[in-house]
Amino acid sequence: MNKLAISASSLLLSLMALSTTSCNGTSSTEAVADANTPTAAADSDSSPSINIRYIDSDSLMTHYNLAKDFQEASMRAVSKIEGARQSKTTEIQKFAAAIEQKGRSNGYLTEASYNADMQKLQKMQSDAENYLANLSRNTENELAQQQLQLNDSIENYIKIYNASKGYDAILFKAAGVYFNPALDITSEIIEGLNARYNKVGDAK
């Protein structure tokens, strides 16, 4: 997402570059005199302008169906990890309590049998830690891939969209301090993204 956004400072530099005119070797006095002539004013009026539009990324993430599906998948993945953690914790605590109860009731006839249960408890703890670590790592990888897919989907569609519009730049709202609301194309982008996403879903 960050690589789609053009920083405000970069935009300012672009505007400065476009508005700068060459003095063609004339002195500063001549340049000032030329600037006061009608010709200079006409040249200034003919300077190219930048045609910009912007997108509200928060609204995009809220209403783009692919983003919503990925958000739901993320919540399910987090819930799965938490469920697995609770299940493993309960299992280990239950076995540890059984060892303690057995010890209090003199249920261990030999030290070896007690040590065997303690080793089993330690293995349960180690196995649980490894399982949860692998589950978390796999989930992180899946979510990272989903984020890449989401970014690519948005970026590719914006390129397709702009092919017919010809805007000089399409920014995310966070890239600037203020944008004229008339430049907002968020709804158009969301509509196009969802139409394409729904079409792909129907084809499956």
N, C-alpha and C. Protein backbone atom coordinates (compact mmCIF):
# COMPACT_ATOMS: atom_id res chain seq x y z
N MET A 1 0.81 -1.19 0.00
CA MET A 1 0.00 0.00 0.00
C MET A 1 0.85 1.25 0.00
N ASN A 2 1.97 1.23 0.72
CA ASN A 2 2.81 2.41 0.82
C ASN A 2 3.40 2.81 -0.52
N LYS A 3 3.72 1.78 -1.35
CA LYS A 3 4.36 2.13 -2.62
C LYS A 3 3.38 2.76 -3.58
N LEU A 4 2.04 2.67 -3.31
CA LEU A 4 1.06 3.31 -4.17
C LEU A 4 0.95 4.79 -3.87
N ALA A 5 1.30 5.17 -2.63
CA ALA A 5 1.09 6.55 -2.18
C ALA A 5 2.28 7.42 -2.54
N ILE A 6 1.98 8.64 -3.06
CA ILE A 6 3.03 9.62 -3.36
C ILE A 6 3.06 10.60 -2.22
N SER A 7 4.23 10.81 -1.61
CA SER A 7 4.31 11.68 -0.46
C SER A 7 4.01 13.11 -0.84
N ALA A 8 3.57 13.88 0.16
CA ALA A 8 3.23 15.28 -0.07
C ALA A 8 4.45 16.06 -0.52
N SER A 9 5.62 15.70 0.02
CA SER A 9 6.83 16.42 -0.37
C SER A 9 7.19 16.16 -1.82
N SER A 10 6.98 14.93 -2.29
CA SER A 10 7.27 14.61 -3.68
C SER A 10 6.34 15.39 -4.60
N LEU A 11 5.07 15.50 -4.20
CA LEU A 11 4.11 16.25 -4.99
C LEU A 11 4.51 17.71 -5.07
N LEU A 12 4.96 18.27 -3.94
CA LEU A 12 5.38 19.67 -3.91
C LEU A 12 6.55 19.90 -4.85
N LEU A 13 7.51 18.96 -4.83
CA LEU A 13 8.67 19.08 -5.72
C LEU A 13 8.24 19.04 -7.18
N SER A 14 7.26 18.17 -7.48
CA SER A 14 6.78 18.07 -8.86
C SER A 14 6.12 19.36 -9.29
N LEU A 15 5.33 19.96 -8.43
CA LEU A 15 4.65 21.21 -8.76
C LEU A 15 5.67 22.33 -8.98
N MET A 16 6.71 22.34 -8.13
CA MET A 16 7.75 23.36 -8.26
C MET A 16 8.50 23.21 -9.58
N ALA A 17 8.76 21.94 -9.94
CA ALA A 17 9.49 21.70 -11.17
C ALA A 17 8.69 22.13 -12.39
N LEU A 18 7.37 21.89 -12.36
CA LEU A 18 6.52 22.22 -13.50
C LEU A 18 6.31 23.72 -13.63
N SER A 19 6.34 24.42 -12.47
CA SER A 19 6.05 25.86 -12.51
C SER A 19 7.29 26.70 -12.76
N THR A 20 8.49 26.09 -12.68
CA THR A 20 9.74 26.83 -12.87
C THR A 20 9.98 27.09 -14.35
N THR A 21 10.31 28.28 -14.71
CA THR A 21 10.61 28.63 -16.10
C THR A 21 12.05 29.07 -16.22
N SER A 22 12.63 28.92 -17.39
CA SER A 22 14.04 29.25 -17.60
C SER A 22 14.19 30.71 -17.97
N CYS A 23 15.26 31.31 -17.43
CA CYS A 23 15.54 32.72 -17.73
C CYS A 23 16.32 32.86 -19.03
N ASN A 24 16.83 31.75 -19.59
CA ASN A 24 17.57 31.78 -20.86
C ASN A 24 18.73 32.77 -20.85
N GLY A 25 19.44 32.81 -19.69
CA GLY A 25 20.66 33.61 -19.65
C GLY A 25 20.43 35.08 -19.39
N THR A 26 19.20 35.58 -19.18
CA THR A 26 18.95 36.99 -18.95
C THR A 26 19.25 37.32 -17.50
N SER A 27 19.46 38.60 -17.22
CA SER A 27 19.75 39.05 -15.88
C SER A 27 18.48 39.00 -15.04
N SER A 28 18.66 39.14 -13.71
CA SER A 28 17.50 39.10 -12.83
C SER A 28 16.60 40.29 -13.08
N THR A 29 17.19 41.49 -13.43
CA THR A 29 16.38 42.68 -13.73
C THR A 29 15.52 42.46 -14.95
N GLU A 30 16.12 41.85 -15.98
CA GLU A 30 15.37 41.57 -17.20
C GLU A 30 14.27 40.55 -16.93
N ALA A 31 14.60 39.60 -16.06
CA ALA A 31 13.60 38.57 -15.76
C ALA A 31 12.39 39.18 -15.08
N VAL A 32 12.65 40.13 -14.16
CA VAL A 32 11.54 40.79 -13.49
C VAL A 32 10.73 41.61 -14.47
N ALA A 33 11.41 42.31 -15.38
CA ALA A 33 10.72 43.11 -16.37
C ALA A 33 9.88 42.24 -17.29
N ASP A 34 10.46 41.11 -17.69
CA ASP A 34 9.72 40.20 -18.57
C ASP A 34 8.49 39.64 -17.86
N ALA A 35 8.61 39.42 -16.56
CA ALA A 35 7.49 38.84 -15.82
C ALA A 35 6.31 39.78 -15.76
N ASN A 36 6.58 41.11 -15.94
CA ASN A 36 5.50 42.08 -15.88
C ASN A 36 4.84 42.33 -17.22
N THR A 37 5.36 41.73 -18.28
CA THR A 37 4.82 41.93 -19.61
C THR A 37 3.68 40.97 -19.86
N PRO A 38 2.75 41.29 -20.75
CA PRO A 38 1.64 40.38 -21.07
C PRO A 38 2.12 39.04 -21.58
N THR A 39 3.23 39.03 -22.33
CA THR A 39 3.75 37.79 -22.88
C THR A 39 4.12 36.83 -21.77
N ALA A 40 4.81 37.37 -20.74
CA ALA A 40 5.20 36.52 -19.63
C ALA A 40 3.98 35.97 -18.92
N ALA A 41 2.97 36.80 -18.76
CA ALA A 41 1.74 36.34 -18.11
C ALA A 41 1.09 35.24 -18.91
N ALA A 42 1.11 35.39 -20.22
CA ALA A 42 0.51 34.37 -21.07
C ALA A 42 1.26 33.06 -20.95
N ASP A 43 2.62 33.16 -20.89
CA ASP A 43 3.42 31.95 -20.75
C ASP A 43 3.11 31.27 -19.42
N SER A 44 2.91 32.08 -18.36
CA SER A 44 2.60 31.51 -17.06
C SER A 44 1.25 30.79 -17.08
N ASP A 45 0.28 31.38 -17.77
CA ASP A 45 -1.04 30.77 -17.85
C ASP A 45 -1.01 29.46 -18.61
N SER A 46 -0.06 29.34 -19.53
CA SER A 46 -0.01 28.13 -20.37
C SER A 46 0.81 27.02 -19.72
N SER A 47 1.32 27.23 -18.50
CA SER A 47 2.09 26.19 -17.83
C SER A 47 1.19 24.97 -17.58
N PRO A 48 1.73 23.79 -17.81
CA PRO A 48 0.91 22.58 -17.63
C PRO A 48 0.51 22.38 -16.17
N SER A 49 -0.68 21.86 -15.95
CA SER A 49 -1.16 21.56 -14.60
C SER A 49 -1.20 20.05 -14.41
N ILE A 50 -1.18 19.63 -13.16
CA ILE A 50 -1.20 18.21 -12.84
C ILE A 50 -2.63 17.79 -12.51
N ASN A 51 -3.11 16.79 -13.20
CA ASN A 51 -4.47 16.29 -13.01
C ASN A 51 -4.44 15.14 -12.00
N ILE A 52 -4.89 15.41 -10.79
CA ILE A 52 -4.75 14.46 -9.68
C ILE A 52 -6.12 14.03 -9.15
N ARG A 53 -6.19 12.79 -8.69
CA ARG A 53 -7.34 12.29 -7.96
C ARG A 53 -6.83 11.55 -6.72
N TYR A 54 -7.74 11.29 -5.77
CA TYR A 54 -7.28 10.59 -4.57
C TYR A 54 -8.30 9.54 -4.14
N ILE A 55 -7.81 8.61 -3.30
CA ILE A 55 -8.61 7.50 -2.79
C ILE A 55 -8.50 7.47 -1.27
N ASP A 56 -9.61 7.28 -0.60
CA ASP A 56 -9.62 7.12 0.85
C ASP A 56 -9.39 5.63 1.16
N SER A 57 -8.20 5.30 1.64
CA SER A 57 -7.85 3.89 1.85
C SER A 57 -8.70 3.23 2.94
N ASP A 58 -9.09 3.99 3.96
CA ASP A 58 -9.93 3.42 5.02
C ASP A 58 -11.28 2.97 4.46
N SER A 59 -11.87 3.81 3.64
CA SER A 59 -13.14 3.46 3.02
C SER A 59 -12.97 2.29 2.06
N LEU A 60 -11.84 2.27 1.36
CA LEU A 60 -11.56 1.20 0.41
C LEU A 60 -11.48 -0.14 1.14
N MET A 61 -10.77 -0.18 2.27
CA MET A 61 -10.62 -1.42 3.02
C MET A 61 -11.95 -1.86 3.66
N THR A 62 -12.82 -0.90 3.92
CA THR A 62 -14.10 -1.21 4.54
C THR A 62 -15.10 -1.78 3.55
N HIS A 63 -15.04 -1.33 2.30
CA HIS A 63 -16.08 -1.68 1.34
C HIS A 63 -15.61 -2.59 0.19
N TYR A 64 -14.32 -2.79 0.04
CA TYR A 64 -13.85 -3.70 -1.01
C TYR A 64 -14.06 -5.13 -0.51
N ASN A 65 -14.81 -5.92 -1.23
CA ASN A 65 -15.21 -7.26 -0.78
C ASN A 65 -14.01 -8.18 -0.53
N LEU A 66 -12.97 -8.07 -1.34
CA LEU A 66 -11.79 -8.90 -1.12
C LEU A 66 -11.13 -8.54 0.20
N ALA A 67 -11.04 -7.26 0.48
CA ALA A 67 -10.46 -6.82 1.75
C ALA A 67 -11.30 -7.31 2.93
N LYS A 68 -12.62 -7.27 2.78
CA LYS A 68 -13.49 -7.74 3.85
C LYS A 68 -13.34 -9.25 4.06
N ASP A 69 -13.21 -9.99 2.96
CA ASP A 69 -13.02 -11.44 3.06
C ASP A 69 -11.70 -11.77 3.76
N PHE A 70 -10.66 -11.04 3.41
CA PHE A 70 -9.36 -11.27 4.04
C PHE A 70 -9.39 -10.89 5.52
N GLN A 71 -10.13 -9.84 5.85
CA GLN A 71 -10.25 -9.43 7.25
C GLN A 71 -10.95 -10.51 8.06
N GLU A 72 -11.98 -11.09 7.49
CA GLU A 72 -12.69 -12.17 8.17
C GLU A 72 -11.79 -13.40 8.32
N ALA A 73 -11.01 -13.69 7.28
CA ALA A 73 -10.08 -14.82 7.33
C ALA A 73 -9.03 -14.59 8.41
N SER A 74 -8.58 -13.36 8.53
CA SER A 74 -7.59 -13.01 9.55
C SER A 74 -8.16 -13.22 10.95
N MET A 75 -9.40 -12.81 11.14
CA MET A 75 -10.04 -12.98 12.46
C MET A 75 -10.22 -14.45 12.78
N ARG A 76 -10.56 -15.25 11.77
CA ARG A 76 -10.72 -16.70 12.00
C ARG A 76 -9.37 -17.33 12.36
N ALA A 77 -8.31 -16.88 11.70
CA ALA A 77 -6.98 -17.43 11.96
C ALA A 77 -6.53 -17.10 13.38
N VAL A 78 -6.76 -15.86 13.80
CA VAL A 78 -6.40 -15.46 15.16
C VAL A 78 -7.22 -16.24 16.18
N SER A 79 -8.49 -16.44 15.88
CA SER A 79 -9.36 -17.20 16.77
C SER A 79 -8.90 -18.66 16.86
N LYS A 80 -8.43 -19.20 15.74
CA LYS A 80 -7.95 -20.58 15.73
C LYS A 80 -6.72 -20.73 16.61
N ILE A 81 -5.81 -19.77 16.53
CA ILE A 81 -4.60 -19.81 17.35
C ILE A 81 -4.97 -19.72 18.83
N GLU A 82 -5.87 -18.80 19.15
CA GLU A 82 -6.27 -18.63 20.54
C GLU A 82 -6.97 -19.88 21.06
N GLY A 83 -7.81 -20.50 20.22
CA GLY A 83 -8.49 -21.73 20.62
C GLY A 83 -7.51 -22.86 20.88
N ALA A 84 -6.50 -22.95 19.98
CA ALA A 84 -5.49 -24.00 20.15
C ALA A 84 -4.67 -23.76 21.41
N ARG A 85 -4.36 -22.50 21.71
CA ARG A 85 -3.59 -22.18 22.91
C ARG A 85 -4.38 -22.55 24.18
N GLN A 86 -5.65 -22.23 24.18
CA GLN A 86 -6.47 -22.55 25.34
C GLN A 86 -6.62 -24.06 25.52
N SER A 87 -6.78 -24.75 24.39
CA SER A 87 -6.93 -26.21 24.44
C SER A 87 -5.68 -26.88 24.99
N LYS A 88 -4.52 -26.45 24.48
CA LYS A 88 -3.26 -27.03 24.95
C LYS A 88 -3.02 -26.70 26.42
N THR A 89 -3.33 -25.47 26.81
CA THR A 89 -3.15 -25.07 28.20
C THR A 89 -4.02 -25.90 29.13
N THR A 90 -5.27 -26.09 28.74
CA THR A 90 -6.20 -26.88 29.56
C THR A 90 -5.72 -28.32 29.69
N GLU A 91 -5.25 -28.89 28.59
CA GLU A 91 -4.76 -30.27 28.58
C GLU A 91 -3.56 -30.44 29.52
N ILE A 92 -2.64 -29.49 29.45
CA ILE A 92 -1.44 -29.56 30.28
C ILE A 92 -1.79 -29.36 31.76
N GLN A 93 -2.64 -28.37 32.02
CA GLN A 93 -3.03 -28.11 33.40
C GLN A 93 -3.76 -29.31 34.01
N LYS A 94 -4.58 -29.95 33.20
CA LYS A 94 -5.33 -31.11 33.68
C LYS A 94 -4.38 -32.26 34.05
N PHE A 95 -3.38 -32.49 33.20
CA PHE A 95 -2.43 -33.57 33.48
C PHE A 95 -1.56 -33.22 34.68
N ALA A 96 -1.16 -31.95 34.79
CA ALA A 96 -0.35 -31.52 35.94
C ALA A 96 -1.14 -31.70 37.23
N ALA A 97 -2.43 -31.37 37.20
CA ALA A 97 -3.27 -31.54 38.39
C ALA A 97 -3.41 -33.01 38.76
N ALA A 98 -3.47 -33.87 37.74
CA ALA A 98 -3.58 -35.31 37.99
C ALA A 98 -2.31 -35.83 38.66
N ILE A 99 -1.16 -35.32 38.24
CA ILE A 99 0.11 -35.73 38.86
C ILE A 99 0.14 -35.30 40.32
N GLU A 100 -0.29 -34.06 40.57
CA GLU A 100 -0.29 -33.55 41.94
C GLU A 100 -1.23 -34.36 42.82
N GLN A 101 -2.42 -34.65 42.30
CA GLN A 101 -3.39 -35.41 43.08
C GLN A 101 -2.89 -36.83 43.35
N LYS A 102 -2.28 -37.41 42.35
CA LYS A 102 -1.75 -38.77 42.51
C LYS A 102 -0.64 -38.80 43.54
N GLY A 103 0.16 -37.74 43.55
CA GLY A 103 1.25 -37.67 44.53
C GLY A 103 0.72 -37.53 45.94
N ARG A 104 -0.33 -36.72 46.12
CA ARG A 104 -0.91 -36.52 47.45
C ARG A 104 -1.55 -37.79 48.00
N SER A 105 -2.10 -38.60 47.09
CA SER A 105 -2.79 -39.83 47.53
C SER A 105 -1.87 -41.04 47.51
N ASN A 106 -0.56 -40.75 47.44
CA ASN A 106 0.43 -41.85 47.42
C ASN A 106 0.18 -42.83 46.28
N GLY A 107 -0.22 -42.29 45.15
CA GLY A 107 -0.51 -43.14 44.00
C GLY A 107 0.74 -43.59 43.26
N TYR A 108 1.85 -42.94 43.51
CA TYR A 108 3.10 -43.35 42.85
C TYR A 108 3.80 -44.36 43.75
N LEU A 109 3.91 -45.58 43.25
CA LEU A 109 4.55 -46.64 44.02
C LEU A 109 6.06 -46.56 43.94
N THR A 110 6.56 -45.95 42.83
CA THR A 110 8.00 -45.82 42.67
C THR A 110 8.32 -44.41 42.20
N GLU A 111 9.55 -44.01 42.43
CA GLU A 111 10.02 -42.71 41.96
C GLU A 111 10.07 -42.69 40.44
N ALA A 112 10.35 -43.84 39.88
CA ALA A 112 10.46 -43.94 38.42
C ALA A 112 9.13 -43.61 37.75
N SER A 113 8.03 -44.08 38.32
CA SER A 113 6.72 -43.80 37.72
C SER A 113 6.38 -42.31 37.81
N TYR A 114 6.78 -41.69 38.92
CA TYR A 114 6.57 -40.24 39.06
C TYR A 114 7.39 -39.47 38.03
N ASN A 115 8.65 -39.87 37.89
CA ASN A 115 9.53 -39.20 36.92
C ASN A 115 9.02 -39.37 35.50
N ALA A 116 8.43 -40.53 35.22
CA ALA A 116 7.89 -40.79 33.88
C ALA A 116 6.75 -39.81 33.58
N ASP A 117 5.88 -39.60 34.55
CA ASP A 117 4.78 -38.65 34.34
C ASP A 117 5.29 -37.22 34.21
N MET A 118 6.31 -36.87 34.98
CA MET A 118 6.88 -35.53 34.89
C MET A 118 7.53 -35.30 33.51
N GLN A 119 8.19 -36.32 33.01
CA GLN A 119 8.78 -36.21 31.68
C GLN A 119 7.69 -36.06 30.61
N LYS A 120 6.61 -36.79 30.82
CA LYS A 120 5.47 -36.68 29.88
C LYS A 120 4.90 -35.27 29.92
N LEU A 121 4.79 -34.70 31.12
CA LEU A 121 4.28 -33.35 31.25
C LEU A 121 5.19 -32.34 30.54
N GLN A 122 6.48 -32.50 30.72
CA GLN A 122 7.43 -31.60 30.06
C GLN A 122 7.35 -31.73 28.53
N LYS A 123 7.17 -32.97 28.07
CA LYS A 123 7.05 -33.17 26.62
C LYS A 123 5.76 -32.54 26.09
N MET A 124 4.68 -32.66 26.86
CA MET A 124 3.43 -32.03 26.46
C MET A 124 3.61 -30.51 26.33
N GLN A 125 4.33 -29.91 27.28
CA GLN A 125 4.57 -28.48 27.24
C GLN A 125 5.43 -28.09 26.03
N SER A 126 6.47 -28.88 25.78
CA SER A 126 7.35 -28.61 24.65
C SER A 126 6.62 -28.77 23.32
N ASP A 127 5.84 -29.84 23.22
CA ASP A 127 5.07 -30.08 21.99
C ASP A 127 4.05 -28.97 21.74
N ALA A 128 3.43 -28.51 22.83
CA ALA A 128 2.44 -27.45 22.69
C ALA A 128 3.09 -26.16 22.22
N GLU A 129 4.25 -25.83 22.77
CA GLU A 129 4.96 -24.62 22.36
C GLU A 129 5.35 -24.68 20.89
N ASN A 130 5.85 -25.83 20.46
CA ASN A 130 6.24 -26.00 19.06
C ASN A 130 5.03 -25.92 18.13
N TYR A 131 3.94 -26.55 18.54
CA TYR A 131 2.73 -26.54 17.72
C TYR A 131 2.20 -25.12 17.55
N LEU A 132 2.13 -24.39 18.65
CA LEU A 132 1.61 -23.02 18.59
C LEU A 132 2.54 -22.10 17.82
N ALA A 133 3.84 -22.33 17.95
CA ALA A 133 4.80 -21.51 17.20
C ALA A 133 4.66 -21.74 15.70
N ASN A 134 4.51 -23.01 15.31
CA ASN A 134 4.34 -23.33 13.89
C ASN A 134 3.01 -22.80 13.37
N LEU A 135 1.97 -22.92 14.18
CA LEU A 135 0.66 -22.42 13.78
C LEU A 135 0.69 -20.91 13.58
N SER A 136 1.34 -20.22 14.50
CA SER A 136 1.45 -18.76 14.39
C SER A 136 2.28 -18.36 13.18
N ARG A 137 3.37 -19.06 12.94
CA ARG A 137 4.23 -18.75 11.80
C ARG A 137 3.50 -18.98 10.48
N ASN A 138 2.79 -20.10 10.38
CA ASN A 138 2.04 -20.38 9.15
C ASN A 138 0.93 -19.35 8.93
N THR A 139 0.29 -18.95 10.02
CA THR A 139 -0.77 -17.95 9.92
C THR A 139 -0.20 -16.61 9.46
N GLU A 140 0.93 -16.21 10.01
CA GLU A 140 1.57 -14.97 9.60
C GLU A 140 1.92 -14.99 8.12
N ASN A 141 2.42 -16.13 7.65
CA ASN A 141 2.78 -16.24 6.23
C ASN A 141 1.53 -16.14 5.35
N GLU A 142 0.46 -16.79 5.77
CA GLU A 142 -0.78 -16.73 5.00
C GLU A 142 -1.34 -15.31 4.94
N LEU A 143 -1.30 -14.62 6.07
CA LEU A 143 -1.81 -13.26 6.11
C LEU A 143 -0.94 -12.31 5.28
N ALA A 144 0.36 -12.57 5.29
CA ALA A 144 1.27 -11.75 4.48
C ALA A 144 0.98 -11.94 2.99
N GLN A 145 0.71 -13.19 2.60
CA GLN A 145 0.38 -13.47 1.20
C GLN A 145 -0.95 -12.82 0.82
N GLN A 146 -1.89 -12.84 1.73
CA GLN A 146 -3.18 -12.20 1.47
C GLN A 146 -3.01 -10.70 1.29
N GLN A 147 -2.14 -10.10 2.11
CA GLN A 147 -1.91 -8.67 1.99
C GLN A 147 -1.27 -8.32 0.65
N LEU A 148 -0.33 -9.15 0.21
CA LEU A 148 0.29 -8.93 -1.09
C LEU A 148 -0.75 -9.05 -2.21
N GLN A 149 -1.60 -10.06 -2.10
CA GLN A 149 -2.65 -10.25 -3.11
C GLN A 149 -3.60 -9.06 -3.14
N LEU A 150 -3.94 -8.55 -1.95
CA LEU A 150 -4.83 -7.40 -1.86
C LEU A 150 -4.19 -6.17 -2.49
N ASN A 151 -2.92 -5.92 -2.14
CA ASN A 151 -2.21 -4.77 -2.71
C ASN A 151 -2.12 -4.85 -4.23
N ASP A 152 -1.78 -6.05 -4.73
CA ASP A 152 -1.66 -6.24 -6.18
C ASP A 152 -3.01 -6.02 -6.87
N SER A 153 -4.07 -6.52 -6.25
CA SER A 153 -5.40 -6.36 -6.83
C SER A 153 -5.76 -4.89 -6.98
N ILE A 154 -5.53 -4.13 -5.93
CA ILE A 154 -5.87 -2.70 -5.95
C ILE A 154 -4.98 -1.96 -6.95
N GLU A 155 -3.69 -2.23 -6.89
CA GLU A 155 -2.75 -1.53 -7.77
C GLU A 155 -3.03 -1.82 -9.24
N ASN A 156 -3.28 -3.09 -9.55
CA ASN A 156 -3.54 -3.45 -10.95
C ASN A 156 -4.83 -2.81 -11.46
N TYR A 157 -5.86 -2.79 -10.61
CA TYR A 157 -7.11 -2.19 -11.07
C TYR A 157 -6.96 -0.70 -11.27
N ILE A 158 -6.23 -0.03 -10.39
CA ILE A 158 -6.04 1.42 -10.55
C ILE A 158 -5.34 1.72 -11.87
N LYS A 159 -4.39 0.89 -12.26
CA LYS A 159 -3.72 1.09 -13.55
C LYS A 159 -4.71 0.92 -14.70
N ILE A 160 -5.56 -0.10 -14.60
CA ILE A 160 -6.57 -0.32 -15.65
C ILE A 160 -7.55 0.85 -15.68
N TYR A 161 -7.99 1.28 -14.52
CA TYR A 161 -8.93 2.39 -14.40
C TYR A 161 -8.35 3.66 -15.01
N ASN A 162 -7.09 3.93 -14.71
CA ASN A 162 -6.49 5.19 -15.15
C ASN A 162 -6.13 5.17 -16.64
N ALA A 163 -6.09 3.99 -17.23
CA ALA A 163 -5.77 3.92 -18.65
C ALA A 163 -6.80 4.68 -19.48
N SER A 164 -8.05 4.70 -19.01
CA SER A 164 -9.10 5.41 -19.73
C SER A 164 -9.32 6.83 -19.20
N LYS A 165 -8.77 7.12 -18.03
CA LYS A 165 -8.96 8.44 -17.42
C LYS A 165 -7.81 9.39 -17.72
N GLY A 166 -6.60 8.86 -17.74
CA GLY A 166 -5.44 9.68 -18.06
C GLY A 166 -5.03 10.66 -16.98
N TYR A 167 -5.27 10.33 -15.71
CA TYR A 167 -4.84 11.21 -14.63
C TYR A 167 -3.32 11.15 -14.50
N ASP A 168 -2.73 12.26 -14.06
CA ASP A 168 -1.28 12.29 -13.86
C ASP A 168 -0.88 11.56 -12.59
N ALA A 169 -1.74 11.54 -11.62
CA ALA A 169 -1.44 10.87 -10.36
C ALA A 169 -2.74 10.51 -9.64
N ILE A 170 -2.73 9.33 -9.01
CA ILE A 170 -3.81 8.92 -8.13
C ILE A 170 -3.17 8.61 -6.79
N LEU A 171 -3.52 9.38 -5.77
CA LEU A 171 -2.89 9.27 -4.47
C LEU A 171 -3.85 8.66 -3.45
N PHE A 172 -3.26 8.16 -2.37
CA PHE A 172 -4.07 7.81 -1.23
C PHE A 172 -4.20 9.06 -0.36
N LYS A 173 -5.34 9.22 0.25
CA LYS A 173 -5.64 10.43 1.01
C LYS A 173 -4.59 10.71 2.08
N ALA A 174 -4.02 9.66 2.64
CA ALA A 174 -3.02 9.82 3.70
C ALA A 174 -1.74 10.47 3.19
N ALA A 175 -1.57 10.57 1.86
CA ALA A 175 -0.34 11.15 1.30
C ALA A 175 -0.32 12.67 1.41
N GLY A 176 -1.46 13.28 1.73
CA GLY A 176 -1.51 14.74 1.79
C GLY A 176 -2.27 15.22 3.01
N VAL A 177 -2.20 16.53 3.22
CA VAL A 177 -2.91 17.14 4.34
C VAL A 177 -4.34 17.48 3.96
N TYR A 178 -4.53 17.95 2.73
CA TYR A 178 -5.87 18.33 2.28
C TYR A 178 -6.02 18.02 0.80
N PHE A 179 -7.20 17.51 0.46
CA PHE A 179 -7.57 17.31 -0.93
C PHE A 179 -8.98 17.85 -1.13
N ASN A 180 -9.21 18.49 -2.24
CA ASN A 180 -10.56 18.94 -2.59
C ASN A 180 -11.46 17.70 -2.71
N PRO A 181 -12.56 17.64 -1.98
CA PRO A 181 -13.45 16.47 -2.05
C PRO A 181 -13.90 16.13 -3.46
N ALA A 182 -13.89 17.13 -4.35
CA ALA A 182 -14.29 16.87 -5.74
C ALA A 182 -13.32 15.93 -6.44
N LEU A 183 -12.12 15.76 -5.89
CA LEU A 183 -11.10 14.90 -6.50
C LEU A 183 -11.19 13.46 -6.00
N ASP A 184 -12.15 13.18 -5.14
CA ASP A 184 -12.30 11.85 -4.54
C ASP A 184 -12.91 10.87 -5.55
N ILE A 185 -12.17 9.79 -5.85
CA ILE A 185 -12.68 8.76 -6.76
C ILE A 185 -12.83 7.42 -6.04
N THR A 186 -12.88 7.46 -4.72
CA THR A 186 -12.93 6.23 -3.94
C THR A 186 -14.11 5.34 -4.34
N SER A 187 -15.28 5.94 -4.45
CA SER A 187 -16.47 5.14 -4.76
C SER A 187 -16.35 4.47 -6.13
N GLU A 188 -15.76 5.17 -7.09
CA GLU A 188 -15.59 4.58 -8.42
C GLU A 188 -14.63 3.39 -8.37
N ILE A 189 -13.54 3.54 -7.60
CA ILE A 189 -12.57 2.46 -7.48
C ILE A 189 -13.19 1.26 -6.77
N ILE A 190 -13.93 1.50 -5.71
CA ILE A 190 -14.57 0.41 -4.97
C ILE A 190 -15.57 -0.32 -5.86
N GLU A 191 -16.36 0.45 -6.59
CA GLU A 191 -17.35 -0.16 -7.48
C GLU A 191 -16.68 -1.04 -8.54
N GLY A 192 -15.60 -0.54 -9.12
CA GLY A 192 -14.90 -1.32 -10.14
C GLY A 192 -14.21 -2.54 -9.57
N LEU A 193 -13.60 -2.40 -8.41
CA LEU A 193 -12.93 -3.53 -7.76
C LEU A 193 -13.93 -4.63 -7.42
N ASN A 194 -15.06 -4.24 -6.85
CA ASN A 194 -16.06 -5.23 -6.46
C ASN A 194 -16.69 -5.91 -7.67
N ALA A 195 -16.90 -5.14 -8.73
CA ALA A 195 -17.46 -5.73 -9.95
C ALA A 195 -16.52 -6.79 -10.50
N ARG A 196 -15.23 -6.48 -10.50
CA ARG A 196 -14.25 -7.44 -11.00
C ARG A 196 -14.14 -8.64 -10.07
N TYR A 197 -14.14 -8.40 -8.76
CA TYR A 197 -14.01 -9.48 -7.78
C TYR A 197 -15.23 -10.40 -7.81
N ASN A 198 -16.41 -9.83 -7.90
CA ASN A 198 -17.62 -10.62 -7.98
C ASN A 198 -17.68 -11.45 -9.26
N LYS A 199 -17.17 -10.87 -10.34
CA LYS A 199 -17.15 -11.59 -11.62
C LYS A 199 -16.25 -12.80 -11.53
N VAL A 200 -15.08 -12.64 -10.89
CA VAL A 200 -14.16 -13.76 -10.71
C VAL A 200 -14.79 -14.83 -9.81
N GLY A 201 -15.49 -14.38 -8.76
CA GLY A 201 -16.14 -15.30 -7.84
C GLY A 201 -17.25 -16.09 -8.52
N ASP A 202 -18.00 -15.45 -9.38
CA ASP A 202 -19.07 -16.14 -10.09
C ASP A 202 -18.54 -17.15 -11.08
N ALA A 203 -17.33 -16.89 -11.59
CA ALA A 203 -16.76 -17.78 -12.59
C ALA A 203 -16.20 -19.06 -11.98
N LYS A 204 -15.98 -19.04 -10.64
CA LYS A 204 -15.39 -20.22 -9.99
C LYS A 204 -16.42 -21.34 -9.85
